[in-house]
Amino acid sequence: MKTQLGNNKASLSNDFVQIQNNGAAAIAQGAPAIYEMDGTDDGLSAENASDSTAGKASSFLAGVNPDPTAIAVGDYGRVQVRGFIDNLKLIRATRAASTDTYATLAAVAIGDELIVNTVGNGFSRDAAGAATAQLAAICAVGTLASRASSASTTSDSGTEVTALIDAFLRIM
């Protein structure tokens, strides 16, 4: 593990580990990397959450790609396991088709627990910080306002609403 020490919020005592992306797609900025744990290169080989299983995603989270450059398939890269990160990919809402309506988006508050979203290769809000009695591995340290449901429009052909947010990591 490499500890990066600094004197500002973005680099103050953050910890990183090295992985090799052996998945089917690149691991984007703010996205989770999941250890493959298949008996070969355990503790090094990782993949996107959507290439993994839900069980592995919750048990073998390797870290979060903090860099603006994606970790390409076959490449080595670093993922952050502890400290402040200012670009965690939050999946705010999804819909089955671009013609469907987005449901209301819940607000995100400081302390809300975030969990791996295996469909969107990001994270989703699990529970309000005050409602949990456990030590969360990933917590929001920024806020996002709620949003009313929205109908589909011809200009919006996506099937998910995402945001890069500030978070605190304790993945070890």
Protein backbone atom coordinates (compact mmCIF):
# COMPACT_ATOMS: atom_id res chain seq x y z
CA MET A 1 0.00 0.00 0.00
CA LYS A 2 1.19 3.51 -0.78
CA THR A 3 0.27 6.36 1.54
CA GLN A 4 0.22 9.79 -0.04
CA LEU A 5 0.79 12.56 2.48
CA GLY A 6 0.01 16.15 1.71
CA ASN A 7 -1.13 19.43 3.17
CA ASN A 8 -4.48 19.90 1.47
CA LYS A 9 -7.86 18.18 1.45
CA ALA A 10 -7.31 16.35 -1.84
CA SER A 11 -4.06 14.67 -0.78
CA LEU A 12 -4.14 14.46 3.01
CA SER A 13 -3.25 10.93 4.11
CA ASN A 14 -4.88 8.97 1.30
CA ASP A 15 -3.97 5.30 0.79
CA PHE A 16 -3.74 3.49 -2.56
CA VAL A 17 -3.13 -0.06 -3.79
CA GLN A 18 -2.05 -1.27 -7.20
CA ILE A 19 -4.31 -3.44 -9.35
CA GLN A 20 -4.26 -4.93 -12.81
CA ASN A 21 -7.48 -4.59 -14.80
CA ASN A 22 -8.29 -8.10 -16.06
CA GLY A 23 -11.94 -7.33 -16.77
CA ALA A 24 -13.71 -6.83 -20.08
CA ALA A 25 -13.79 -3.01 -19.97
CA ALA A 26 -11.82 -0.04 -18.65
CA ILE A 27 -12.31 1.10 -15.04
CA ALA A 28 -13.43 4.75 -15.28
CA GLN A 29 -12.72 7.68 -12.98
CA GLY A 30 -14.69 7.39 -9.74
CA ALA A 31 -15.71 3.79 -10.47
CA PRO A 32 -15.17 0.80 -8.19
CA ALA A 33 -12.62 -1.91 -8.94
CA ILE A 34 -13.54 -5.39 -7.68
CA TYR A 35 -10.95 -8.11 -6.98
CA GLU A 36 -11.60 -11.14 -9.21
CA MET A 37 -10.59 -13.71 -6.54
CA ASP A 38 -10.48 -16.63 -8.97
CA GLY A 39 -7.32 -18.33 -7.72
CA THR A 40 -5.02 -16.49 -10.16
CA ASP A 41 -3.36 -13.21 -9.15
CA ASP A 42 -5.66 -12.82 -6.14
CA GLY A 43 -5.17 -9.41 -4.56
CA LEU A 44 -3.97 -7.92 -7.86
CA SER A 45 -6.43 -8.81 -10.64
CA ALA A 46 -9.50 -6.59 -10.61
CA GLU A 47 -12.43 -5.76 -12.86
CA ASN A 48 -15.40 -3.42 -13.25
CA ALA A 49 -18.35 -3.94 -10.95
CA SER A 50 -20.54 -4.96 -13.92
CA ASP A 51 -18.01 -7.65 -14.89
CA SER A 52 -18.14 -9.02 -11.33
CA THR A 53 -20.93 -10.54 -9.24
CA ALA A 54 -22.97 -8.80 -6.56
CA GLY A 55 -21.40 -11.05 -3.91
CA LYS A 56 -17.86 -10.22 -4.98
CA ALA A 57 -18.69 -6.52 -5.32
CA SER A 58 -19.77 -6.29 -1.69
CA SER A 59 -16.97 -8.49 -0.28
CA PHE A 60 -13.95 -7.85 -2.50
CA LEU A 61 -14.01 -4.13 -3.26
CA ALA A 62 -10.40 -3.29 -4.20
CA GLY A 63 -10.88 0.48 -4.26
CA VAL A 64 -11.96 3.44 -6.38
CA ASN A 65 -10.13 4.83 -9.42
CA PRO A 66 -9.25 8.40 -8.34
CA ASP A 67 -7.60 9.40 -11.60
CA PRO A 68 -9.23 11.15 -14.59
CA THR A 69 -7.74 8.49 -16.86
CA ALA A 70 -9.50 5.12 -16.98
CA ILE A 71 -7.51 1.97 -16.21
CA ALA A 72 -7.52 0.14 -19.54
CA VAL A 73 -7.96 -3.62 -19.82
CA GLY A 74 -4.62 -5.31 -19.12
CA ASP A 75 -3.06 -2.17 -17.61
CA TYR A 76 -1.86 -1.64 -14.06
CA GLY A 77 -3.26 1.28 -12.11
CA ARG A 78 -3.85 2.57 -8.63
CA VAL A 79 -7.10 2.59 -6.72
CA GLN A 80 -7.81 4.54 -3.56
CA VAL A 81 -8.75 2.60 -0.43
CA ARG A 82 -8.79 5.26 2.30
CA GLY A 83 -9.22 8.97 2.60
CA PHE A 84 -11.05 11.82 0.90
CA ILE A 85 -11.95 11.45 -2.78
CA ASP A 86 -13.61 14.22 -4.77
CA ASN A 87 -14.79 12.27 -7.81
CA LEU A 88 -16.76 9.20 -6.70
CA LYS A 89 -19.25 8.17 -9.41
CA LEU A 90 -22.74 8.20 -7.88
CA ILE A 91 -25.61 6.57 -9.80
CA ARG A 92 -28.55 8.79 -8.83
CA ALA A 93 -31.27 7.09 -10.92
CA THR A 94 -31.73 4.51 -13.63
CA ARG A 95 -34.46 3.60 -16.07
CA ALA A 96 -34.97 0.59 -18.32
CA ALA A 97 -35.33 2.57 -21.54
CA SER A 98 -34.73 6.14 -22.66
CA THR A 99 -38.48 6.52 -23.18
CA ASP A 100 -39.25 5.70 -19.51
CA THR A 101 -39.62 8.28 -16.75
CA TYR A 102 -36.91 8.77 -14.12
CA ALA A 103 -38.20 8.26 -10.58
CA THR A 104 -37.72 10.94 -7.96
CA LEU A 105 -34.08 11.27 -6.93
CA ALA A 106 -33.50 11.18 -3.18
CA ALA A 107 -31.29 13.84 -1.63
CA VAL A 108 -27.77 12.87 -0.59
CA ALA A 109 -26.53 14.20 2.75
CA ILE A 110 -23.19 14.19 4.51
CA GLY A 111 -22.73 10.81 6.19
CA ASP A 112 -25.01 8.83 3.87
CA GLU A 113 -23.72 5.31 3.26
CA LEU A 114 -22.84 4.47 -0.35
CA ILE A 115 -22.65 0.94 -1.81
CA VAL A 116 -21.37 -0.56 -5.06
CA ASN A 117 -23.82 -0.42 -7.97
CA THR A 118 -22.92 -3.40 -10.19
CA VAL A 119 -25.13 -2.29 -13.09
CA GLY A 120 -23.81 1.25 -13.51
CA ASN A 121 -20.18 0.69 -12.45
CA GLY A 122 -20.52 3.27 -9.72
CA PHE A 123 -22.05 3.70 -6.29
CA SER A 124 -25.60 4.18 -5.01
CA ARG A 125 -27.02 5.70 -1.82
CA ASP A 126 -27.80 2.88 0.60
CA ALA A 127 -29.08 4.60 3.72
CA ALA A 128 -29.15 7.93 5.48
CA GLY A 129 -26.10 8.35 7.71
CA ALA A 130 -28.16 8.90 10.84
CA ALA A 131 -30.22 5.76 10.14
CA THR A 132 -27.32 3.30 10.23
CA ALA A 133 -25.66 1.83 13.29
CA GLN A 134 -22.67 0.48 11.40
CA LEU A 135 -19.37 1.90 10.26
CA ALA A 136 -19.82 2.45 6.55
CA ALA A 137 -16.92 1.76 4.18
CA ILE A 138 -17.94 4.66 1.91
CA CYS A 139 -19.73 7.82 3.09
CA ALA A 140 -20.84 10.92 1.23
CA VAL A 141 -19.15 14.09 2.46
CA GLY A 142 -21.04 16.36 0.11
CA THR A 143 -24.72 16.98 -0.51
CA LEU A 144 -27.00 16.71 -3.51
CA ALA A 145 -30.55 18.04 -3.57
CA SER A 146 -33.51 15.80 -4.30
CA ARG A 147 -35.11 16.04 -7.71
CA ALA A 148 -38.65 15.40 -8.85
CA SER A 149 -39.32 12.66 -11.38
CA SER A 150 -38.79 13.66 -14.97
CA ALA A 151 -40.35 12.41 -18.16
CA SER A 152 -38.23 11.36 -21.09
CA THR A 153 -37.27 13.97 -23.63
CA THR A 154 -35.82 13.66 -27.09
CA SER A 155 -32.63 15.35 -25.87
CA ASP A 156 -32.05 12.81 -23.08
CA SER A 157 -31.37 9.35 -24.49
CA GLY A 158 -29.47 8.00 -21.46
CA THR A 159 -30.70 5.41 -18.99
CA GLU A 160 -28.97 6.70 -15.85
CA VAL A 161 -28.36 9.95 -13.99
CA THR A 162 -24.85 10.20 -12.51
CA ALA A 163 -22.82 12.72 -10.55
CA LEU A 164 -19.22 12.87 -9.30
CA ILE A 165 -19.37 13.57 -5.56
CA ASP A 166 -17.09 14.00 -2.56
CA ALA A 167 -16.78 10.92 -0.36
CA PHE A 168 -14.68 9.36 2.39
CA LEU A 169 -13.33 5.84 1.91
CA ARG A 170 -12.50 3.13 4.47
CA ILE A 171 -11.93 0.13 2.19
CA MET A 172 -9.51 -2.19 4.00
